[in-house]
Amino acid sequence: MSLDELGRRDEAVREAVALASPPGASARALTLAGTLLANNDRPEEAVPLLRRAVHLDGRNDLAWHELGFAHTQLEDGDAAEQAFQRALALSPCDLATLHAAAWNALVVLDDDDRALAYAEKAITCPARRASEKADFFYLRADLKLQRDDAEGAVESLRSALKAGYDGKEWCEPGSPFVLALADRPDFQALLKECKE
């Protein structure tokens, strides 16, 4: 990965793919190449390598995660969901996988219930820093707002801000939060903090 870290992505991808090309390539080499391809907007090339990686090592949670990510890029939400489920079966509290799975559910599958379930799961997982959960609290706030659960939306928004969520879109005039919650004193208190 050192070539990738130096900003020479094309060279890193070429070297990783070369290592993954031989018929006897290891699951690790396949995962590395697939990851680099997926993260460089080449998901159609990543998928076959990542499939080979999980075929060789079904307990490779990174390969399952990256396979899900590549399928999300290809807008194959069901295949992505299956891959994310396999990754989460191996590492249930991997916040990166939960984030990617929630995004796939929300954007590709258009399944708010599933996205909310992923956010709820992430919120219950241990984290080194509270900020790692800020986006999940915000997602939950947004989804609660869409369900007309004003109390849940305010509570989740408060948790997001406490965890370090620094986005200001929610407190802009005309935002869905402002339009729906402006008459609530608990939301007004959050608005006041936003403007300070």
C-alpha atoms as a PDB file:
ATOM      1  CA  MET A   1       0.000   0.000   0.000  1.00  0.00           C
ATOM      2  CA  SER A   2       2.999   2.305   0.274  1.00  0.00           C
ATOM      3  CA  LEU A   3       2.762   3.307  -3.380  1.00  0.00           C
ATOM      4  CA  ASP A   4      -0.887   4.228  -2.859  1.00  0.00           C
ATOM      5  CA  GLU A   5       0.018   6.299   0.192  1.00  0.00           C
ATOM      6  CA  LEU A   6       2.571   8.210  -1.857  1.00  0.00           C
ATOM      7  CA  GLY A   7      -0.172   9.236  -4.266  1.00  0.00           C
ATOM      8  CA  ARG A   8       0.940   6.994  -7.103  1.00  0.00           C
ATOM      9  CA  ARG A   9      -2.412   5.261  -7.335  1.00  0.00           C
ATOM     10  CA  ASP A  10      -2.152   4.022 -10.911  1.00  0.00           C
ATOM     11  CA  GLU A  11       1.169   2.370 -10.178  1.00  0.00           C
ATOM     12  CA  ALA A  12      -0.201   0.871  -6.961  1.00  0.00           C
ATOM     13  CA  VAL A  13      -3.205  -0.545  -8.801  1.00  0.00           C
ATOM     14  CA  ARG A  14      -0.994  -2.006 -11.555  1.00  0.00           C
ATOM     15  CA  GLU A  15       1.289  -3.690  -9.023  1.00  0.00           C
ATOM     16  CA  ALA A  16      -1.601  -5.042  -6.960  1.00  0.00           C
ATOM     17  CA  VAL A  17      -3.381  -6.410 -10.032  1.00  0.00           C
ATOM     18  CA  ALA A  18      -0.124  -8.022 -11.193  1.00  0.00           C
ATOM     19  CA  LEU A  19       0.179  -9.787  -7.819  1.00  0.00           C
ATOM     20  CA  ALA A  20      -3.444 -10.944  -8.065  1.00  0.00           C
ATOM     21  CA  SER A  21      -3.204 -12.144 -11.685  1.00  0.00           C
ATOM     22  CA  PRO A  22      -1.534 -15.550 -11.287  1.00  0.00           C
ATOM     23  CA  PRO A  23      -3.971 -18.480 -10.934  1.00  0.00           C
ATOM     24  CA  GLY A  24      -2.618 -19.278  -7.458  1.00  0.00           C
ATOM     25  CA  ALA A  25      -2.873 -15.718  -6.107  1.00  0.00           C
ATOM     26  CA  SER A  26      -3.597 -15.519  -2.400  1.00  0.00           C
ATOM     27  CA  ALA A  27      -6.834 -14.207  -0.934  1.00  0.00           C
ATOM     28  CA  ARG A  28      -4.796 -11.357   0.516  1.00  0.00           C
ATOM     29  CA  ALA A  29      -3.401 -10.333  -2.894  1.00  0.00           C
ATOM     30  CA  LEU A  30      -6.865 -10.552  -4.447  1.00  0.00           C
ATOM     31  CA  THR A  31      -8.361  -8.478  -1.633  1.00  0.00           C
ATOM     32  CA  LEU A  32      -5.666  -5.816  -1.952  1.00  0.00           C
ATOM     33  CA  ALA A  33      -6.112  -5.542  -5.717  1.00  0.00           C
ATOM     34  CA  GLY A  34      -9.905  -5.547  -5.460  1.00  0.00           C
ATOM     35  CA  THR A  35      -9.826  -2.896  -2.749  1.00  0.00           C
ATOM     36  CA  LEU A  36      -7.573  -0.612  -4.781  1.00  0.00           C
ATOM     37  CA  LEU A  37      -9.732  -1.050  -7.874  1.00  0.00           C
ATOM     38  CA  ALA A  38     -12.976  -0.391  -5.971  1.00  0.00           C
ATOM     39  CA  ASN A  39     -11.483   2.671  -4.297  1.00  0.00           C
ATOM     40  CA  ASN A  40     -10.308   4.018  -7.642  1.00  0.00           C
ATOM     41  CA  ASP A  41     -13.732   3.882  -9.307  1.00  0.00           C
ATOM     42  CA  ARG A  42     -13.129   0.596 -11.110  1.00  0.00           C
ATOM     43  CA  PRO A  43     -15.749  -1.622  -9.445  1.00  0.00           C
ATOM     44  CA  GLU A  44     -16.421  -3.754 -12.516  1.00  0.00           C
ATOM     45  CA  GLU A  45     -12.791  -4.942 -12.344  1.00  0.00           C
ATOM     46  CA  ALA A  46     -12.846  -5.253  -8.558  1.00  0.00           C
ATOM     47  CA  VAL A  47     -15.837  -7.588  -8.284  1.00  0.00           C
ATOM     48  CA  PRO A  48     -14.285 -10.693  -9.928  1.00  0.00           C
ATOM     49  CA  LEU A  49     -11.099 -10.368  -7.849  1.00  0.00           C
ATOM     50  CA  LEU A  50     -13.038  -9.914  -4.623  1.00  0.00           C
ATOM     51  CA  ARG A  51     -15.290 -12.866  -5.475  1.00  0.00           C
ATOM     52  CA  ARG A  52     -12.175 -15.002  -5.878  1.00  0.00           C
ATOM     53  CA  ALA A  53     -10.864 -13.690  -2.553  1.00  0.00           C
ATOM     54  CA  VAL A  54     -13.999 -14.671  -0.625  1.00  0.00           C
ATOM     55  CA  HIS A  55     -14.106 -18.016  -2.427  1.00  0.00           C
ATOM     56  CA  LEU A  56     -10.581 -18.725  -1.167  1.00  0.00           C
ATOM     57  CA  ASP A  57     -11.243 -17.358   2.322  1.00  0.00           C
ATOM     58  CA  GLY A  58     -14.872 -16.994   3.328  1.00  0.00           C
ATOM     59  CA  ARG A  59     -13.821 -15.459   6.662  1.00  0.00           C
ATOM     60  CA  ASN A  60     -12.148 -12.485   4.988  1.00  0.00           C
ATOM     61  CA  ASP A  61     -14.370  -9.692   6.303  1.00  0.00           C
ATOM     62  CA  LEU A  62     -12.422  -6.996   4.431  1.00  0.00           C
ATOM     63  CA  ALA A  63     -12.988  -8.765   1.108  1.00  0.00           C
ATOM     64  CA  TRP A  64     -16.713  -9.097   1.858  1.00  0.00           C
ATOM     65  CA  HIS A  65     -16.868  -5.391   2.797  1.00  0.00           C
ATOM     66  CA  GLU A  66     -15.077  -4.308  -0.372  1.00  0.00           C
ATOM     67  CA  LEU A  67     -17.243  -6.623  -2.478  1.00  0.00           C
ATOM     68  CA  GLY A  68     -20.295  -4.901  -1.002  1.00  0.00           C
ATOM     69  CA  PHE A  69     -18.769  -1.492  -1.705  1.00  0.00           C
ATOM     70  CA  ALA A  70     -18.018  -2.444  -5.331  1.00  0.00           C
ATOM     71  CA  HIS A  71     -21.571  -3.722  -5.835  1.00  0.00           C
ATOM     72  CA  THR A  72     -22.923  -0.475  -4.357  1.00  0.00           C
ATOM     73  CA  GLN A  73     -20.865   1.471  -6.903  1.00  0.00           C
ATOM     74  CA  LEU A  74     -22.424  -0.689  -9.622  1.00  0.00           C
ATOM     75  CA  GLU A  75     -25.861   0.026  -8.105  1.00  0.00           C
ATOM     76  CA  ASP A  76     -26.474  -3.671  -7.458  1.00  0.00           C
ATOM     77  CA  GLY A  77     -27.993  -3.096  -4.049  1.00  0.00           C
ATOM     78  CA  ASP A  78     -29.073  -6.677  -3.394  1.00  0.00           C
ATOM     79  CA  ALA A  79     -25.625  -8.132  -4.109  1.00  0.00           C
ATOM     80  CA  ALA A  80     -24.085  -5.382  -1.970  1.00  0.00           C
ATOM     81  CA  GLU A  81     -26.483  -6.159   0.880  1.00  0.00           C
ATOM     82  CA  GLN A  82     -25.548  -9.851   0.754  1.00  0.00           C
ATOM     83  CA  ALA A  83     -21.840  -9.037   0.871  1.00  0.00           C
ATOM     84  CA  PHE A  84     -22.274  -6.563   3.734  1.00  0.00           C
ATOM     85  CA  GLN A  85     -24.298  -9.156   5.651  1.00  0.00           C
ATOM     86  CA  ARG A  86     -21.445 -11.656   5.278  1.00  0.00           C
ATOM     87  CA  ALA A  87     -18.921  -9.048   6.453  1.00  0.00           C
ATOM     88  CA  LEU A  88     -21.082  -8.140   9.453  1.00  0.00           C
ATOM     89  CA  ALA A  89     -21.558 -11.792  10.368  1.00  0.00           C
ATOM     90  CA  LEU A  90     -17.772 -11.904  10.809  1.00  0.00           C
ATOM     91  CA  SER A  91     -17.337  -8.439  12.383  1.00  0.00           C
ATOM     92  CA  PRO A  92     -20.738  -7.294  13.710  1.00  0.00           C
ATOM     93  CA  CYS A  93     -19.541  -3.919  14.979  1.00  0.00           C
ATOM     94  CA  ASP A  94     -17.336  -2.836  12.094  1.00  0.00           C
ATOM     95  CA  LEU A  95     -18.476   0.779  11.815  1.00  0.00           C
ATOM     96  CA  ALA A  96     -17.113   1.197   8.283  1.00  0.00           C
ATOM     97  CA  THR A  97     -19.182  -1.752   7.079  1.00  0.00           C
ATOM     98  CA  LEU A  98     -22.257  -0.556   8.962  1.00  0.00           C
ATOM     99  CA  HIS A  99     -21.826   2.879   7.354  1.00  0.00           C
ATOM    100  CA  ALA A 100     -21.441   1.403   3.859  1.00  0.00           C
ATOM    101  CA  ALA A 101     -24.407  -0.929   4.395  1.00  0.00           C
ATOM    102  CA  ALA A 102     -26.583   1.948   5.627  1.00  0.00           C
ATOM    103  CA  TRP A 103     -25.604   4.026   2.585  1.00  0.00           C
ATOM    104  CA  ASN A 104     -26.422   1.129   0.243  1.00  0.00           C
ATOM    105  CA  ALA A 105     -29.785   0.612   1.962  1.00  0.00           C
ATOM    106  CA  LEU A 106     -30.643   4.306   1.851  1.00  0.00           C
ATOM    107  CA  VAL A 107     -29.398   5.284  -1.602  1.00  0.00           C
ATOM    108  CA  VAL A 108     -29.381   2.144  -3.749  1.00  0.00           C
ATOM    109  CA  LEU A 109     -32.122   0.005  -2.200  1.00  0.00           C
ATOM    110  CA  ASP A 110     -34.261   2.977  -1.084  1.00  0.00           C
ATOM    111  CA  ASP A 111     -34.977   1.072   2.141  1.00  0.00           C
ATOM    112  CA  ASP A 112     -35.221   3.513   5.048  1.00  0.00           C
ATOM    113  CA  ASP A 113     -36.120   0.749   7.511  1.00  0.00           C
ATOM    114  CA  ARG A 114     -32.943  -1.152   6.736  1.00  0.00           C
ATOM    115  CA  ALA A 115     -30.829   2.019   6.866  1.00  0.00           C
ATOM    116  CA  LEU A 116     -32.303   2.847  10.271  1.00  0.00           C
ATOM    117  CA  ALA A 117     -31.567  -0.681  11.503  1.00  0.00           C
ATOM    118  CA  TYR A 118     -27.911  -0.281  10.498  1.00  0.00           C
ATOM    119  CA  ALA A 119     -27.713   3.107  12.220  1.00  0.00           C
ATOM    120  CA  GLU A 120     -29.287   1.680  15.389  1.00  0.00           C
ATOM    121  CA  LYS A 121     -26.836  -1.232  15.354  1.00  0.00           C
ATOM    122  CA  ALA A 122     -23.849   1.103  14.940  1.00  0.00           C
ATOM    123  CA  ILE A 123     -25.027   3.286  17.816  1.00  0.00           C
ATOM    124  CA  THR A 124     -24.987   0.273  20.158  1.00  0.00           C
ATOM    125  CA  CYS A 125     -21.471  -0.783  19.132  1.00  0.00           C
ATOM    126  CA  PRO A 126     -18.400   0.174  21.135  1.00  0.00           C
ATOM    127  CA  ALA A 127     -16.209   2.887  19.627  1.00  0.00           C
ATOM    128  CA  ARG A 128     -12.854   4.393  20.535  1.00  0.00           C
ATOM    129  CA  ARG A 129     -14.212   7.922  20.088  1.00  0.00           C
ATOM    130  CA  ALA A 130     -17.765   9.232  20.295  1.00  0.00           C
ATOM    131  CA  SER A 131     -17.204  11.059  17.005  1.00  0.00           C
ATOM    132  CA  GLU A 132     -17.147   7.698  15.191  1.00  0.00           C
ATOM    133  CA  LYS A 133     -20.892   7.470  15.815  1.00  0.00           C
ATOM    134  CA  ALA A 134     -21.868  11.066  15.015  1.00  0.00           C
ATOM    135  CA  ASP A 135     -22.994  10.310  11.449  1.00  0.00           C
ATOM    136  CA  PHE A 136     -25.099   7.379  12.644  1.00  0.00           C
ATOM    137  CA  PHE A 137     -26.902   9.557  15.187  1.00  0.00           C
ATOM    138  CA  TYR A 138     -27.522  12.153  12.478  1.00  0.00           C
ATOM    139  CA  LEU A 139     -28.836   9.518  10.063  1.00  0.00           C
ATOM    140  CA  ARG A 140     -31.171   8.266  12.780  1.00  0.00           C
ATOM    141  CA  ALA A 141     -32.343  11.845  13.431  1.00  0.00           C
ATOM    142  CA  ASP A 142     -33.081  12.353   9.740  1.00  0.00           C
ATOM    143  CA  LEU A 143     -34.965   9.067   9.438  1.00  0.00           C
ATOM    144  CA  LYS A 144     -36.931   9.728  12.634  1.00  0.00           C
ATOM    145  CA  LEU A 145     -37.886  13.138  11.242  1.00  0.00           C
ATOM    146  CA  GLN A 146     -39.136  11.509   8.036  1.00  0.00           C
ATOM    147  CA  ARG A 147     -41.317   9.230  10.185  1.00  0.00           C
ATOM    148  CA  ASP A 148     -42.824  12.218  12.001  1.00  0.00           C
ATOM    149  CA  ASP A 149     -41.143  11.137  15.238  1.00  0.00           C
ATOM    150  CA  ALA A 150     -40.276  14.642  16.434  1.00  0.00           C
ATOM    151  CA  GLU A 151     -39.080  13.558  19.860  1.00  0.00           C
ATOM    152  CA  GLY A 152     -36.854  10.838  18.399  1.00  0.00           C
ATOM    153  CA  ALA A 153     -35.477  13.271  15.818  1.00  0.00           C
ATOM    154  CA  VAL A 154     -34.543  15.877  18.437  1.00  0.00           C
ATOM    155  CA  GLU A 155     -33.033  13.296  20.784  1.00  0.00           C
ATOM    156  CA  SER A 156     -30.960  11.768  17.963  1.00  0.00           C
ATOM    157  CA  LEU A 157     -29.878  15.188  16.708  1.00  0.00           C
ATOM    158  CA  ARG A 158     -28.794  16.125  20.232  1.00  0.00           C
ATOM    159  CA  SER A 159     -26.781  12.880  20.422  1.00  0.00           C
ATOM    160  CA  ALA A 160     -25.194  13.578  17.029  1.00  0.00           C
ATOM    161  CA  LEU A 161     -24.101  17.045  18.120  1.00  0.00           C
ATOM    162  CA  LYS A 162     -22.806  15.740  21.437  1.00  0.00           C
ATOM    163  CA  ALA A 163     -20.781  13.118  19.530  1.00  0.00           C
ATOM    164  CA  GLY A 164     -19.207  15.874  17.436  1.00  0.00           C
ATOM    165  CA  TYR A 165     -21.379  16.105  14.330  1.00  0.00           C
ATOM    166  CA  ASP A 166     -20.325  19.422  12.832  1.00  0.00           C
ATOM    167  CA  GLY A 167     -22.657  19.760   9.859  1.00  0.00           C
ATOM    168  CA  LYS A 168     -24.820  22.884   9.901  1.00  0.00           C
ATOM    169  CA  GLU A 169     -27.328  21.956   7.199  1.00  0.00           C
ATOM    170  CA  TRP A 170     -29.927  20.930   9.769  1.00  0.00           C
ATOM    171  CA  CYS A 171     -30.079  24.428  11.313  1.00  0.00           C
ATOM    172  CA  GLU A 172     -30.294  26.382   8.047  1.00  0.00           C
ATOM    173  CA  PRO A 173     -33.557  28.302   7.514  1.00  0.00           C
ATOM    174  CA  GLY A 174     -35.917  26.133   5.483  1.00  0.00           C
ATOM    175  CA  SER A 175     -34.214  22.838   6.358  1.00  0.00           C
ATOM    176  CA  PRO A 176     -36.557  19.896   7.018  1.00  0.00           C
ATOM    177  CA  PHE A 177     -35.542  19.985  10.695  1.00  0.00           C
ATOM    178  CA  VAL A 178     -36.331  23.689  11.062  1.00  0.00           C
ATOM    179  CA  LEU A 179     -39.613  23.383   9.170  1.00  0.00           C
ATOM    180  CA  ALA A 180     -40.832  20.427  11.220  1.00  0.00           C
ATOM    181  CA  LEU A 181     -39.433  21.189  14.670  1.00  0.00           C
ATOM    182  CA  ALA A 182     -39.233  24.985  14.986  1.00  0.00           C
ATOM    183  CA  ASP A 183     -42.031  25.151  17.554  1.00  0.00           C
ATOM    184  CA  ARG A 184     -40.342  22.734  19.969  1.00  0.00           C
ATOM    185  CA  PRO A 185     -38.380  24.321  22.852  1.00  0.00           C
ATOM    186  CA  ASP A 186     -35.884  21.418  22.894  1.00  0.00           C
ATOM    187  CA  PHE A 187     -35.129  22.013  19.211  1.00  0.00           C
ATOM    188  CA  GLN A 188     -34.893  25.774  19.762  1.00  0.00           C
ATOM    189  CA  ALA A 189     -32.178  25.089  22.352  1.00  0.00           C
ATOM    190  CA  LEU A 190     -30.210  23.119  19.743  1.00  0.00           C
ATOM    191  CA  LEU A 191     -30.725  25.907  17.196  1.00  0.00           C
ATOM    192  CA  LYS A 192     -29.335  28.414  19.648  1.00  0.00           C
ATOM    193  CA  GLU A 193     -26.189  26.285  20.068  1.00  0.00           C
ATOM    194  CA  CYS A 194     -25.852  26.029  16.283  1.00  0.00           C
ATOM    195  CA  LYS A 195     -25.858  29.803  15.889  1.00  0.00           C
ATOM    196  CA  GLU A 196     -23.320  30.454  18.653  1.00  0.00           C
END
